[in-house]
N, C-alpha and C. Protein backbone atom coordinates (compact mmCIF):
# COMPACT_ATOMS: atom_id res chain seq x y z
N MET A 1 -77.79 -57.68 57.57
CA MET A 1 -76.47 -57.67 58.01
C MET A 1 -75.71 -58.65 57.16
N PRO A 2 -74.59 -58.42 56.87
CA PRO A 2 -73.63 -59.42 55.99
C PRO A 2 -73.46 -60.76 56.53
N LYS A 3 -73.44 -61.78 55.53
CA LYS A 3 -73.08 -62.96 56.16
C LYS A 3 -71.56 -63.35 55.66
N PHE A 4 -71.08 -64.21 56.28
CA PHE A 4 -69.67 -64.55 56.25
C PHE A 4 -69.51 -66.26 56.46
N MET A 5 -68.70 -66.55 55.38
CA MET A 5 -68.51 -68.05 55.48
C MET A 5 -67.15 -68.26 56.20
N MET A 6 -67.15 -69.06 57.12
CA MET A 6 -66.04 -69.53 57.90
C MET A 6 -65.75 -70.94 57.24
N ILE A 7 -64.45 -70.89 56.65
CA ILE A 7 -63.98 -72.38 55.88
C ILE A 7 -62.87 -72.72 56.85
N TYR A 8 -62.86 -74.00 57.34
CA TYR A 8 -62.04 -74.73 58.04
C TYR A 8 -60.92 -75.35 57.40
N HIS A 9 -59.73 -75.25 57.70
CA HIS A 9 -58.74 -76.22 57.13
C HIS A 9 -57.96 -76.96 58.30
N GLY A 10 -57.76 -78.14 57.87
CA GLY A 10 -56.85 -78.89 58.89
C GLY A 10 -57.70 -79.38 59.93
N GLY A 11 -57.10 -79.41 61.33
CA GLY A 11 -58.01 -80.18 62.33
C GLY A 11 -57.71 -81.75 62.45
N GLY A 12 -58.56 -82.42 63.04
CA GLY A 12 -58.41 -83.85 62.97
C GLY A 12 -59.33 -84.31 63.91
N ARG A 13 -59.49 -85.67 63.78
CA ARG A 13 -60.41 -86.73 64.41
C ARG A 13 -59.87 -86.89 65.78
N PRO A 14 -60.88 -86.87 66.78
CA PRO A 14 -60.35 -87.04 68.17
C PRO A 14 -60.04 -88.47 68.29
N ASP A 15 -59.09 -88.91 69.23
CA ASP A 15 -58.52 -90.37 69.39
C ASP A 15 -59.29 -91.21 70.21
N SER A 16 -60.21 -90.78 70.79
CA SER A 16 -61.19 -91.57 71.74
C SER A 16 -62.64 -90.79 71.87
N PRO A 17 -63.68 -91.76 72.15
CA PRO A 17 -64.90 -91.21 72.48
C PRO A 17 -64.95 -90.04 73.42
N GLU A 18 -63.92 -90.04 74.54
CA GLU A 18 -64.16 -89.13 75.61
C GLU A 18 -63.61 -87.86 74.97
N GLU A 19 -62.59 -88.12 74.15
CA GLU A 19 -61.99 -86.71 73.44
C GLU A 19 -62.99 -86.13 72.51
N GLY A 20 -63.57 -87.17 71.76
CA GLY A 20 -64.75 -86.52 71.04
C GLY A 20 -65.78 -85.80 71.61
N GLU A 21 -66.22 -86.11 72.85
CA GLU A 21 -67.26 -85.43 73.60
C GLU A 21 -66.66 -84.12 74.13
N LYS A 22 -65.32 -84.16 74.52
CA LYS A 22 -64.87 -82.72 74.94
C LYS A 22 -64.62 -81.88 73.60
N VAL A 23 -64.30 -82.36 72.47
CA VAL A 23 -64.19 -81.43 71.22
C VAL A 23 -65.73 -80.99 70.79
N MET A 24 -66.61 -81.86 70.85
CA MET A 24 -67.80 -81.38 70.43
C MET A 24 -68.46 -80.36 71.56
N ALA A 25 -68.14 -80.52 72.86
CA ALA A 25 -68.58 -79.50 73.74
C ALA A 25 -67.87 -78.25 73.43
N ALA A 26 -66.81 -78.31 73.05
CA ALA A 26 -66.06 -76.95 72.76
C ALA A 26 -66.87 -76.36 71.55
N TRP A 27 -66.99 -77.20 70.49
CA TRP A 27 -67.70 -76.50 69.28
C TRP A 27 -68.96 -75.98 69.69
N MET A 28 -69.94 -76.82 70.45
CA MET A 28 -71.06 -76.42 70.75
C MET A 28 -71.21 -75.18 71.69
N ALA A 29 -70.26 -75.07 72.75
CA ALA A 29 -70.03 -73.60 73.35
C ALA A 29 -69.82 -72.56 72.54
N TRP A 30 -68.85 -72.74 71.63
CA TRP A 30 -68.47 -71.57 70.75
C TRP A 30 -69.72 -71.20 69.98
N MET A 31 -70.26 -72.09 69.24
CA MET A 31 -71.43 -72.00 68.42
C MET A 31 -72.54 -71.00 69.31
N GLY A 32 -72.74 -71.64 70.49
CA GLY A 32 -73.66 -71.10 71.30
C GLY A 32 -73.48 -69.53 71.59
N GLY A 33 -72.21 -69.32 71.91
CA GLY A 33 -71.84 -67.98 72.09
C GLY A 33 -71.88 -66.91 70.88
N ILE A 34 -72.07 -67.49 69.54
CA ILE A 34 -72.44 -66.84 68.53
C ILE A 34 -73.82 -66.23 68.62
N GLY A 35 -74.66 -67.04 69.05
CA GLY A 35 -76.14 -66.82 69.34
C GLY A 35 -76.92 -66.61 68.11
N GLU A 36 -77.74 -65.56 68.12
CA GLU A 36 -78.73 -65.62 66.91
C GLU A 36 -77.90 -65.20 65.76
N ASN A 37 -76.67 -65.04 65.77
CA ASN A 37 -75.92 -64.60 64.46
C ASN A 37 -75.33 -65.78 63.78
N LEU A 38 -75.59 -66.95 64.20
CA LEU A 38 -75.25 -68.27 63.62
C LEU A 38 -76.24 -68.49 62.69
N VAL A 39 -75.88 -68.55 61.40
CA VAL A 39 -76.83 -68.83 60.42
C VAL A 39 -76.82 -70.28 60.04
N ASP A 40 -75.78 -71.00 59.98
CA ASP A 40 -75.74 -72.57 59.60
C ASP A 40 -74.51 -72.95 60.46
N GLY A 41 -74.69 -73.80 61.38
CA GLY A 41 -73.34 -74.23 62.20
C GLY A 41 -72.48 -74.85 61.41
N GLY A 42 -73.05 -75.65 60.13
CA GLY A 42 -72.13 -76.20 59.17
C GLY A 42 -71.97 -77.75 59.75
N ASN A 43 -71.03 -78.37 59.09
CA ASN A 43 -70.59 -79.52 59.15
C ASN A 43 -69.15 -79.67 58.67
N PRO A 44 -68.54 -81.07 59.29
CA PRO A 44 -67.33 -81.23 58.59
C PRO A 44 -67.51 -81.66 57.10
N ALA A 45 -66.34 -81.69 56.42
CA ALA A 45 -66.44 -81.98 55.03
C ALA A 45 -65.79 -83.42 54.73
N GLY A 46 -66.52 -84.27 53.99
CA GLY A 46 -65.89 -85.42 53.54
C GLY A 46 -64.84 -85.10 52.53
N MET A 47 -64.38 -86.26 51.98
CA MET A 47 -63.45 -86.42 50.85
C MET A 47 -63.94 -85.61 49.57
N SER A 48 -63.13 -84.92 49.01
CA SER A 48 -63.48 -84.04 47.90
C SER A 48 -62.90 -84.37 46.70
N LYS A 49 -63.39 -83.90 45.46
CA LYS A 49 -62.79 -83.89 44.16
C LYS A 49 -62.98 -82.42 43.58
N THR A 50 -62.15 -82.13 42.63
CA THR A 50 -62.25 -80.83 42.13
C THR A 50 -62.75 -81.06 40.72
N VAL A 51 -63.72 -80.20 40.24
CA VAL A 51 -64.12 -80.18 38.98
C VAL A 51 -63.64 -79.05 38.16
N THR A 52 -62.97 -79.35 36.95
CA THR A 52 -62.15 -78.22 36.22
C THR A 52 -62.97 -78.47 34.78
N ALA A 53 -62.69 -77.43 33.85
CA ALA A 53 -63.08 -77.55 32.54
C ALA A 53 -62.55 -78.52 31.78
N THR A 54 -61.64 -79.28 32.16
CA THR A 54 -61.19 -80.51 31.67
C THR A 54 -61.32 -81.77 32.18
N GLY A 55 -61.92 -81.84 33.32
CA GLY A 55 -62.29 -82.97 33.89
C GLY A 55 -62.45 -82.91 35.34
N VAL A 56 -62.34 -84.12 35.99
CA VAL A 56 -62.17 -84.32 37.56
C VAL A 56 -60.91 -84.42 38.27
N GLU A 57 -60.55 -84.02 38.93
CA GLU A 57 -59.17 -84.22 39.87
C GLU A 57 -59.58 -84.72 40.94
N ASP A 58 -58.65 -85.94 41.50
CA ASP A 58 -58.70 -86.43 42.87
C ASP A 58 -57.97 -85.64 43.68
N ASN A 59 -58.15 -85.24 44.83
CA ASN A 59 -57.24 -84.26 45.90
C ASN A 59 -56.40 -85.09 46.46
N GLY A 60 -56.13 -86.39 46.01
CA GLY A 60 -54.82 -87.03 46.76
C GLY A 60 -55.05 -87.38 47.94
N GLY A 61 -56.27 -87.59 48.34
CA GLY A 61 -56.60 -88.18 49.77
C GLY A 61 -56.60 -86.94 50.93
N ALA A 62 -56.24 -85.86 50.46
CA ALA A 62 -56.25 -84.67 51.29
C ALA A 62 -57.20 -83.57 50.89
N ASN A 63 -58.04 -83.21 51.85
CA ASN A 63 -59.11 -82.16 51.60
C ASN A 63 -58.54 -80.75 51.58
N PRO A 64 -58.62 -80.05 50.72
CA PRO A 64 -58.37 -78.39 51.06
C PRO A 64 -59.27 -77.79 52.06
N VAL A 65 -60.46 -78.43 52.31
CA VAL A 65 -61.51 -77.94 53.27
C VAL A 65 -62.03 -78.88 54.30
N SER A 66 -62.00 -78.72 55.56
CA SER A 66 -62.25 -79.66 56.47
C SER A 66 -63.71 -79.60 57.24
N GLY A 67 -64.35 -78.17 56.83
CA GLY A 67 -65.65 -77.80 57.25
C GLY A 67 -65.99 -76.42 57.01
N TYR A 68 -67.21 -76.06 57.53
CA TYR A 68 -67.78 -74.60 57.30
C TYR A 68 -68.64 -74.24 58.50
N THR A 69 -68.75 -73.15 58.49
CA THR A 69 -70.01 -72.29 59.25
C THR A 69 -70.38 -71.13 58.65
N LEU A 70 -71.58 -70.71 58.55
CA LEU A 70 -72.24 -69.49 58.10
C LEU A 70 -72.55 -68.56 59.04
N ILE A 71 -72.11 -67.42 59.29
CA ILE A 71 -72.66 -66.33 60.30
C ILE A 71 -73.02 -65.03 59.76
N ASN A 72 -73.83 -64.44 60.64
CA ASN A 72 -74.00 -62.90 60.17
C ASN A 72 -73.02 -62.16 61.04
N ALA A 73 -72.37 -61.19 60.57
CA ALA A 73 -71.64 -60.32 61.29
C ALA A 73 -71.43 -58.83 60.75
N ALA A 74 -71.46 -57.79 61.42
CA ALA A 74 -71.54 -56.50 61.02
C ALA A 74 -70.62 -56.17 59.96
N ASP A 75 -69.23 -56.85 60.03
CA ASP A 75 -68.16 -56.64 59.03
C ASP A 75 -67.14 -57.52 59.32
N MET A 76 -66.25 -57.46 58.42
CA MET A 76 -64.98 -58.47 58.60
C MET A 76 -64.33 -58.57 59.73
N ASP A 77 -64.24 -57.35 60.36
CA ASP A 77 -63.48 -57.29 61.65
C ASP A 77 -64.39 -57.99 62.66
N ALA A 78 -65.72 -57.78 62.69
CA ALA A 78 -66.42 -58.64 63.66
C ALA A 78 -66.41 -60.24 63.48
N ALA A 79 -66.40 -60.61 62.13
CA ALA A 79 -66.40 -61.85 61.73
C ALA A 79 -64.96 -62.55 62.36
N ILE A 80 -64.02 -61.68 62.08
CA ILE A 80 -62.67 -62.30 62.58
C ILE A 80 -62.56 -62.37 64.04
N GLU A 81 -63.15 -61.55 64.76
CA GLU A 81 -63.38 -61.73 66.46
C GLU A 81 -63.93 -62.97 66.55
N ILE A 82 -65.14 -63.28 65.88
CA ILE A 82 -65.85 -64.56 66.18
C ILE A 82 -64.95 -65.67 66.10
N ALA A 83 -64.31 -65.64 64.91
CA ALA A 83 -63.34 -66.83 64.32
C ALA A 83 -62.41 -66.93 65.44
N LYS A 84 -61.78 -66.19 66.08
CA LYS A 84 -60.59 -66.17 66.85
C LYS A 84 -61.01 -67.22 68.12
N GLY A 85 -62.39 -67.42 68.36
CA GLY A 85 -62.60 -68.32 69.43
C GLY A 85 -62.91 -69.74 68.97
N CYS A 86 -62.71 -69.98 67.53
CA CYS A 86 -63.07 -71.21 67.14
C CYS A 86 -62.23 -72.53 67.63
N PRO A 87 -62.95 -73.43 68.06
CA PRO A 87 -62.01 -74.62 68.62
C PRO A 87 -61.00 -75.30 67.89
N ILE A 88 -61.13 -74.97 66.48
CA ILE A 88 -60.20 -75.70 65.37
C ILE A 88 -58.88 -74.99 65.59
N LEU A 89 -58.86 -73.76 66.20
CA LEU A 89 -57.59 -72.97 66.31
C LEU A 89 -56.51 -73.57 67.49
N GLU A 90 -57.36 -74.41 68.57
CA GLU A 90 -56.78 -74.75 69.75
C GLU A 90 -55.51 -75.86 69.28
N GLY A 91 -54.39 -75.56 69.78
CA GLY A 91 -53.22 -76.32 69.70
C GLY A 91 -52.69 -76.31 68.30
N GLY A 92 -52.88 -75.29 67.43
CA GLY A 92 -52.52 -75.13 66.05
C GLY A 92 -52.86 -76.13 65.24
N GLN A 93 -53.76 -76.78 65.42
CA GLN A 93 -54.36 -77.96 64.53
C GLN A 93 -54.81 -77.53 63.24
N GLY A 94 -55.51 -76.38 63.09
CA GLY A 94 -56.30 -75.91 61.93
C GLY A 94 -56.25 -74.37 61.94
N THR A 95 -57.06 -73.81 60.95
CA THR A 95 -57.14 -72.53 60.39
C THR A 95 -58.42 -72.25 59.97
N VAL A 96 -59.04 -70.94 60.15
CA VAL A 96 -60.33 -70.37 59.69
C VAL A 96 -60.10 -69.46 58.69
N GLU A 97 -60.47 -69.77 57.56
CA GLU A 97 -60.53 -68.82 56.26
C GLU A 97 -62.14 -68.06 56.41
N ILE A 98 -61.87 -66.69 56.27
CA ILE A 98 -63.20 -66.02 56.15
C ILE A 98 -63.35 -65.32 54.94
N ALA A 99 -64.71 -65.43 54.53
CA ALA A 99 -65.09 -64.55 53.32
C ALA A 99 -66.53 -64.10 53.39
N GLU A 100 -66.67 -62.65 52.84
CA GLU A 100 -68.21 -62.46 52.89
C GLU A 100 -68.94 -63.28 51.73
N ALA A 101 -70.14 -63.59 52.09
CA ALA A 101 -71.05 -64.34 51.28
C ALA A 101 -71.73 -63.15 50.50
N MET A 102 -71.51 -62.79 49.29
CA MET A 102 -71.75 -61.59 48.70
C MET A 102 -73.16 -61.81 48.18
N GLU A 103 -74.10 -60.72 48.59
CA GLU A 103 -75.54 -60.79 48.01
C GLU A 103 -75.42 -60.38 46.57
N MET A 104 -76.42 -61.45 45.86
CA MET A 104 -76.66 -61.14 44.43
C MET A 104 -77.92 -60.35 44.18
C-alpha cells in the first residue's frame, strides 16, 4: 500500500495547559481513527534552516513546515479523506499538504 506524507503548515501553540490537553486529545483521537494505517504519527517541527548549493539560509523566524505524519492509504483520494479530519484544520489555523512517498 502506498505511503503518504502529510506535511502541516501553520497552526499554533495552545494558550494554556488546559487548551494543550484539549488539542492533544483531538490529535490522539484523529490518529487513533487512522488505525493500523498510521505509519508514523510524526512530530511538530522546530525552527528550520534551508541548505542550498550556495550556503545556508535562515527562514526568518518562520518555518515553512510545522510538522508531519506518515500514513498508508490506497491512493491520493483516500489520503485526502484522512487529512480532512486533521485537527490543524479546525478554525482555519493551518493546512495539510499531502504527497506520496515514492518507493525507490
